[in-house]
Amino acid sequence: MGLSQQAVADLVGITKTTYYKWETNQTDIKASFLPKLAEVFGVDISALFPPDLTVTVNHPNGKSLTFDAREVYEDLIGYQRQKIQGLEEQVQTLETENQRLQEQAQTLEAEIQRLRAS
């Protein structure tokens, strides 16, 4: 791709120093920057994860669970897609109801006008 550190930093909305620290593993990349980084490099977010990256969750009882980071990501994306689909269906239902109510209001307005005229 041939982008300079400054160009990537500008596109992501961070300083060149921050990007340099990410590149040299001096600091971790905050998850909130992953979508923008993926967009800049033209890849899926999961491509930014090393193949062996794991996520460990420590339970208050002292036990911990370890998950494959890519699987966690894919599960989260799947969940978000389901939520979005549900919201889109709700919007469609509300738009249909809104249209029905507008038509009903027009009918009532026409009836009011008819009654005033008589």
N, C-alpha and C. Protein backbone atom coordinates (compact mmCIF):
# COMPACT_ATOMS: atom_id res chain seq x y z
N MET A 1 0.83 -1.19 0.00
CA MET A 1 0.00 0.00 0.00
C MET A 1 0.88 1.25 0.00
N GLY A 2 2.01 1.21 0.69
CA GLY A 2 2.97 2.29 0.63
C GLY A 2 2.63 3.56 1.38
N LEU A 3 1.80 3.46 2.40
CA LEU A 3 1.46 4.65 3.18
C LEU A 3 2.53 4.89 4.25
N SER A 4 2.85 6.15 4.48
CA SER A 4 3.78 6.48 5.55
C SER A 4 3.07 6.35 6.90
N GLN A 5 3.86 6.32 7.95
CA GLN A 5 3.28 6.28 9.29
C GLN A 5 2.38 7.49 9.52
N GLN A 6 2.84 8.65 9.06
CA GLN A 6 2.05 9.88 9.24
C GLN A 6 0.74 9.79 8.48
N ALA A 7 0.77 9.23 7.26
CA ALA A 7 -0.46 9.12 6.46
C ALA A 7 -1.46 8.19 7.14
N VAL A 8 -0.99 7.05 7.64
CA VAL A 8 -1.87 6.11 8.34
C VAL A 8 -2.42 6.78 9.60
N ALA A 9 -1.55 7.42 10.34
CA ALA A 9 -1.97 8.09 11.58
C ALA A 9 -3.06 9.13 11.28
N ASP A 10 -2.86 9.92 10.22
CA ASP A 10 -3.86 10.93 9.85
C ASP A 10 -5.18 10.29 9.48
N LEU A 11 -5.14 9.20 8.71
CA LEU A 11 -6.37 8.52 8.28
C LEU A 11 -7.12 7.89 9.45
N VAL A 12 -6.36 7.40 10.43
CA VAL A 12 -6.98 6.75 11.60
C VAL A 12 -7.42 7.78 12.63
N GLY A 13 -6.77 8.95 12.63
CA GLY A 13 -7.12 9.98 13.59
C GLY A 13 -6.30 9.92 14.87
N ILE A 14 -5.05 9.53 14.72
CA ILE A 14 -4.14 9.43 15.86
C ILE A 14 -2.85 10.17 15.52
N THR A 15 -1.94 10.24 16.48
CA THR A 15 -0.64 10.86 16.21
C THR A 15 0.30 9.83 15.58
N LYS A 16 1.32 10.35 14.90
CA LYS A 16 2.33 9.48 14.32
C LYS A 16 3.03 8.68 15.41
N THR A 17 3.25 9.31 16.55
CA THR A 17 3.91 8.63 17.67
C THR A 17 3.09 7.43 18.15
N THR A 18 1.77 7.63 18.26
CA THR A 18 0.90 6.53 18.68
C THR A 18 0.98 5.38 17.68
N TYR A 19 0.92 5.71 16.39
CA TYR A 19 0.99 4.66 15.37
C TYR A 19 2.35 3.95 15.44
N TYR A 20 3.43 4.70 15.62
CA TYR A 20 4.75 4.10 15.73
C TYR A 20 4.79 3.12 16.91
N LYS A 21 4.20 3.51 18.04
CA LYS A 21 4.19 2.63 19.22
C LYS A 21 3.38 1.37 18.96
N TRP A 22 2.32 1.49 18.15
CA TRP A 22 1.56 0.29 17.77
C TRP A 22 2.43 -0.63 16.92
N GLU A 23 3.07 -0.03 15.92
CA GLU A 23 3.90 -0.82 15.00
C GLU A 23 5.04 -1.53 15.71
N THR A 24 5.60 -0.90 16.71
CA THR A 24 6.75 -1.47 17.42
C THR A 24 6.35 -2.20 18.71
N ASN A 25 5.06 -2.45 18.86
CA ASN A 25 4.53 -3.18 20.03
C ASN A 25 4.88 -2.54 21.36
N GLN A 26 5.01 -1.23 21.38
CA GLN A 26 5.26 -0.52 22.65
C GLN A 26 3.96 -0.28 23.40
N THR A 27 2.87 -0.19 22.66
CA THR A 27 1.54 -0.06 23.28
C THR A 27 0.56 -0.91 22.48
N ASP A 28 -0.53 -1.27 23.14
CA ASP A 28 -1.56 -2.05 22.48
C ASP A 28 -2.52 -1.13 21.73
N ILE A 29 -3.05 -1.64 20.65
CA ILE A 29 -4.05 -0.90 19.87
C ILE A 29 -5.39 -1.02 20.58
N LYS A 30 -6.04 0.10 20.83
CA LYS A 30 -7.37 0.06 21.43
C LYS A 30 -8.35 -0.51 20.40
N ALA A 31 -9.24 -1.36 20.88
CA ALA A 31 -10.19 -2.03 20.00
C ALA A 31 -11.02 -1.04 19.18
N SER A 32 -11.27 0.14 19.73
CA SER A 32 -12.10 1.12 19.02
C SER A 32 -11.44 1.61 17.73
N PHE A 33 -10.12 1.42 17.59
CA PHE A 33 -9.43 1.85 16.37
C PHE A 33 -9.38 0.76 15.30
N LEU A 34 -9.74 -0.47 15.65
CA LEU A 34 -9.63 -1.57 14.69
C LEU A 34 -10.47 -1.37 13.43
N PRO A 35 -11.74 -0.93 13.55
CA PRO A 35 -12.51 -0.75 12.31
C PRO A 35 -11.87 0.26 11.36
N LYS A 36 -11.36 1.35 11.88
CA LYS A 36 -10.73 2.37 11.03
C LYS A 36 -9.45 1.84 10.42
N LEU A 37 -8.64 1.12 11.19
CA LEU A 37 -7.42 0.53 10.65
C LEU A 37 -7.74 -0.45 9.53
N ALA A 38 -8.74 -1.29 9.75
CA ALA A 38 -9.13 -2.25 8.72
C ALA A 38 -9.57 -1.52 7.45
N GLU A 39 -10.31 -0.44 7.62
CA GLU A 39 -10.76 0.36 6.48
C GLU A 39 -9.56 0.96 5.73
N VAL A 40 -8.62 1.52 6.46
CA VAL A 40 -7.44 2.14 5.85
C VAL A 40 -6.65 1.12 5.03
N PHE A 41 -6.49 -0.09 5.58
CA PHE A 41 -5.71 -1.11 4.89
C PHE A 41 -6.54 -1.97 3.95
N GLY A 42 -7.86 -1.76 3.92
CA GLY A 42 -8.72 -2.50 2.99
C GLY A 42 -8.84 -3.97 3.32
N VAL A 43 -8.89 -4.28 4.61
CA VAL A 43 -9.00 -5.68 5.04
C VAL A 43 -10.13 -5.82 6.06
N ASP A 44 -10.53 -7.07 6.30
CA ASP A 44 -11.49 -7.36 7.35
C ASP A 44 -10.77 -7.22 8.70
N ILE A 45 -11.51 -6.82 9.72
CA ILE A 45 -10.89 -6.63 11.03
C ILE A 45 -10.15 -7.88 11.49
N SER A 46 -10.71 -9.04 11.21
CA SER A 46 -10.08 -10.28 11.69
C SER A 46 -8.68 -10.46 11.10
N ALA A 47 -8.40 -9.83 9.95
CA ALA A 47 -7.06 -9.93 9.36
C ALA A 47 -6.02 -9.20 10.20
N LEU A 48 -6.47 -8.32 11.08
CA LEU A 48 -5.54 -7.60 11.96
C LEU A 48 -5.12 -8.43 13.17
N PHE A 49 -5.81 -9.55 13.40
CA PHE A 49 -5.48 -10.41 14.54
C PHE A 49 -4.47 -11.47 14.11
N PRO A 50 -3.43 -11.69 14.90
CA PRO A 50 -2.54 -12.82 14.61
C PRO A 50 -3.34 -14.12 14.70
N PRO A 51 -2.98 -15.13 13.91
CA PRO A 51 -3.77 -16.37 13.90
C PRO A 51 -3.86 -17.07 15.25
N ASP A 52 -2.89 -16.86 16.12
CA ASP A 52 -2.89 -17.55 17.42
C ASP A 52 -3.32 -16.67 18.58
N LEU A 53 -3.93 -15.53 18.27
CA LEU A 53 -4.34 -14.60 19.32
C LEU A 53 -5.51 -15.19 20.11
N THR A 54 -5.39 -15.12 21.42
CA THR A 54 -6.47 -15.61 22.28
C THR A 54 -6.93 -14.50 23.22
N VAL A 55 -8.13 -14.67 23.72
CA VAL A 55 -8.70 -13.76 24.70
C VAL A 55 -8.95 -14.58 25.95
N THR A 56 -8.44 -14.11 27.08
CA THR A 56 -8.65 -14.81 28.34
C THR A 56 -9.53 -13.96 29.23
N VAL A 57 -10.58 -14.60 29.75
CA VAL A 57 -11.52 -13.92 30.64
C VAL A 57 -11.35 -14.53 32.03
N ASN A 58 -11.03 -13.69 32.99
CA ASN A 58 -10.85 -14.15 34.37
C ASN A 58 -12.16 -13.98 35.13
N HIS A 59 -12.65 -15.07 35.67
CA HIS A 59 -13.88 -15.07 36.45
C HIS A 59 -13.54 -14.72 37.90
N PRO A 60 -14.46 -14.03 38.59
CA PRO A 60 -14.19 -13.68 40.00
C PRO A 60 -13.89 -14.89 40.89
N ASN A 61 -14.36 -16.07 40.50
CA ASN A 61 -14.11 -17.25 41.33
C ASN A 61 -12.70 -17.81 41.14
N GLY A 62 -11.89 -17.12 40.32
CA GLY A 62 -10.51 -17.55 40.14
C GLY A 62 -10.27 -18.37 38.88
N LYS A 63 -11.32 -18.88 38.28
CA LYS A 63 -11.16 -19.66 37.06
C LYS A 63 -11.08 -18.71 35.86
N SER A 64 -10.44 -19.17 34.82
CA SER A 64 -10.37 -18.34 33.62
C SER A 64 -10.73 -19.18 32.39
N LEU A 65 -11.26 -18.50 31.39
CA LEU A 65 -11.62 -19.14 30.13
C LEU A 65 -10.82 -18.47 29.03
N THR A 66 -10.32 -19.27 28.10
CA THR A 66 -9.55 -18.73 26.99
C THR A 66 -10.27 -19.04 25.69
N PHE A 67 -10.38 -18.01 24.82
CA PHE A 67 -11.08 -18.14 23.56
C PHE A 67 -10.18 -17.70 22.41
N ASP A 68 -10.42 -18.25 21.24
CA ASP A 68 -9.75 -17.79 20.03
C ASP A 68 -10.31 -16.41 19.67
N ALA A 69 -9.46 -15.42 19.52
CA ALA A 69 -9.89 -14.04 19.28
C ALA A 69 -10.71 -13.91 18.00
N ARG A 70 -10.33 -14.63 16.96
CA ARG A 70 -11.09 -14.55 15.70
C ARG A 70 -12.50 -15.09 15.87
N GLU A 71 -12.62 -16.18 16.63
CA GLU A 71 -13.95 -16.74 16.87
C GLU A 71 -14.81 -15.77 17.68
N VAL A 72 -14.21 -15.14 18.67
CA VAL A 72 -14.94 -14.16 19.48
C VAL A 72 -15.40 -13.02 18.58
N TYR A 73 -14.50 -12.54 17.73
CA TYR A 73 -14.85 -11.46 16.81
C TYR A 73 -16.00 -11.87 15.90
N GLU A 74 -15.90 -13.05 15.30
CA GLU A 74 -16.96 -13.51 14.39
C GLU A 74 -18.29 -13.66 15.12
N ASP A 75 -18.25 -14.16 16.35
CA ASP A 75 -19.48 -14.28 17.14
C ASP A 75 -20.08 -12.91 17.42
N LEU A 76 -19.23 -11.94 17.78
CA LEU A 76 -19.72 -10.59 18.05
C LEU A 76 -20.32 -9.96 16.80
N ILE A 77 -19.67 -10.14 15.67
CA ILE A 77 -20.19 -9.60 14.42
C ILE A 77 -21.52 -10.25 14.08
N GLY A 78 -21.61 -11.56 14.27
CA GLY A 78 -22.88 -12.25 14.01
C GLY A 78 -23.99 -11.74 14.90
N TYR A 79 -23.68 -11.53 16.16
CA TYR A 79 -24.66 -11.00 17.11
C TYR A 79 -25.09 -9.60 16.69
N GLN A 80 -24.13 -8.76 16.32
CA GLN A 80 -24.47 -7.40 15.91
C GLN A 80 -25.31 -7.40 14.64
N ARG A 81 -25.01 -8.30 13.71
CA ARG A 81 -25.82 -8.39 12.48
C ARG A 81 -27.25 -8.78 12.80
N GLN A 82 -27.42 -9.70 13.74
CA GLN A 82 -28.78 -10.09 14.15
C GLN A 82 -29.51 -8.91 14.78
N LYS A 83 -28.81 -8.17 15.63
CA LYS A 83 -29.43 -7.00 16.27
C LYS A 83 -29.82 -5.97 15.21
N ILE A 84 -28.94 -5.74 14.25
CA ILE A 84 -29.22 -4.77 13.19
C ILE A 84 -30.43 -5.22 12.38
N GLN A 85 -30.48 -6.51 12.06
CA GLN A 85 -31.62 -7.02 11.29
C GLN A 85 -32.91 -6.82 12.08
N GLY A 86 -32.89 -7.09 13.37
CA GLY A 86 -34.06 -6.88 14.21
C GLY A 86 -34.48 -5.42 14.24
N LEU A 87 -33.51 -4.53 14.34
CA LEU A 87 -33.81 -3.10 14.34
C LEU A 87 -34.36 -2.64 13.00
N GLU A 88 -33.81 -3.17 11.91
CA GLU A 88 -34.32 -2.82 10.58
C GLU A 88 -35.77 -3.28 10.42
N GLU A 89 -36.08 -4.45 10.96
CA GLU A 89 -37.46 -4.93 10.91
C GLU A 89 -38.38 -4.04 11.73
N GLN A 90 -37.90 -3.59 12.88
CA GLN A 90 -38.70 -2.67 13.70
C GLN A 90 -38.93 -1.35 12.98
N VAL A 91 -37.90 -0.85 12.31
CA VAL A 91 -38.04 0.40 11.56
C VAL A 91 -39.08 0.22 10.46
N GLN A 92 -39.02 -0.89 9.75
CA GLN A 92 -39.99 -1.15 8.68
C GLN A 92 -41.41 -1.21 9.24
N THR A 93 -41.59 -1.86 10.37
CA THR A 93 -42.90 -1.93 11.01
C THR A 93 -43.38 -0.55 11.40
N LEU A 94 -42.50 0.26 11.97
CA LEU A 94 -42.87 1.61 12.37
C LEU A 94 -43.19 2.49 11.17
N GLU A 95 -42.43 2.34 10.09
CA GLU A 95 -42.71 3.11 8.87
C GLU A 95 -44.07 2.73 8.29
N THR A 96 -44.38 1.45 8.30
CA THR A 96 -45.69 1.00 7.80
C THR A 96 -46.81 1.56 8.67
N GLU A 97 -46.62 1.51 9.98
CA GLU A 97 -47.63 2.04 10.91
C GLU A 97 -47.76 3.55 10.74
N ASN A 98 -46.65 4.24 10.55
CA ASN A 98 -46.68 5.67 10.34
C ASN A 98 -47.47 6.02 9.08
N GLN A 99 -47.22 5.27 8.01
CA GLN A 99 -47.96 5.52 6.77
C GLN A 99 -49.45 5.28 6.97
N ARG A 100 -49.81 4.21 7.67
CA ARG A 100 -51.21 3.92 7.94
C ARG A 100 -51.85 5.05 8.74
N LEU A 101 -51.15 5.56 9.74
CA LEU A 101 -51.69 6.65 10.56
C LEU A 101 -51.82 7.94 9.77
N GLN A 102 -50.86 8.20 8.88
CA GLN A 102 -50.96 9.39 8.04
C GLN A 102 -52.17 9.31 7.11
N GLU A 103 -52.40 8.12 6.56
CA GLU A 103 -53.57 7.94 5.69
C GLU A 103 -54.85 8.11 6.50
N GLN A 104 -54.86 7.60 7.71
CA GLN A 104 -56.03 7.74 8.58
C GLN A 104 -56.25 9.22 8.93
N ALA A 105 -55.18 9.95 9.18
CA ALA A 105 -55.30 11.37 9.48
C ALA A 105 -55.85 12.13 8.28
N GLN A 106 -55.41 11.77 7.09
CA GLN A 106 -55.93 12.42 5.89
C GLN A 106 -57.42 12.13 5.71
N THR A 107 -57.81 10.90 5.99
CA THR A 107 -59.23 10.54 5.89
C THR A 107 -60.05 11.33 6.89
N LEU A 108 -59.54 11.45 8.12
CA LEU A 108 -60.25 12.22 9.14
C LEU A 108 -60.31 13.69 8.78
N GLU A 109 -59.22 14.23 8.26
CA GLU A 109 -59.20 15.63 7.83
C GLU A 109 -60.22 15.87 6.73
N ALA A 110 -60.31 14.97 5.80
CA ALA A 110 -61.28 15.08 4.71
C ALA A 110 -62.71 15.02 5.28
N GLU A 111 -62.92 14.17 6.26
CA GLU A 111 -64.26 14.05 6.87
C GLU A 111 -64.60 15.33 7.64
N ILE A 112 -63.62 15.91 8.33
CA ILE A 112 -63.84 17.17 9.04
C ILE A 112 -64.21 18.27 8.04
N GLN A 113 -63.47 18.35 6.94
CA GLN A 113 -63.76 19.34 5.91
C GLN A 113 -65.16 19.15 5.33
N ARG A 114 -65.56 17.90 5.11
CA ARG A 114 -66.89 17.58 4.58
C ARG A 114 -67.98 18.02 5.56
N LEU A 115 -67.75 17.74 6.85
CA LEU A 115 -68.74 18.10 7.85
C LEU A 115 -68.86 19.63 8.01
N ARG A 116 -67.73 20.32 7.90
CA ARG A 116 -67.77 21.79 8.00
C ARG A 116 -68.51 22.41 6.80
N ALA A 117 -68.37 21.77 5.68
CA ALA A 117 -68.99 22.30 4.47
C ALA A 117 -70.50 22.07 4.44
N SER A 118 -70.98 21.10 5.19
CA SER A 118 -72.42 20.80 5.14
C SER A 118 -73.23 21.57 6.15
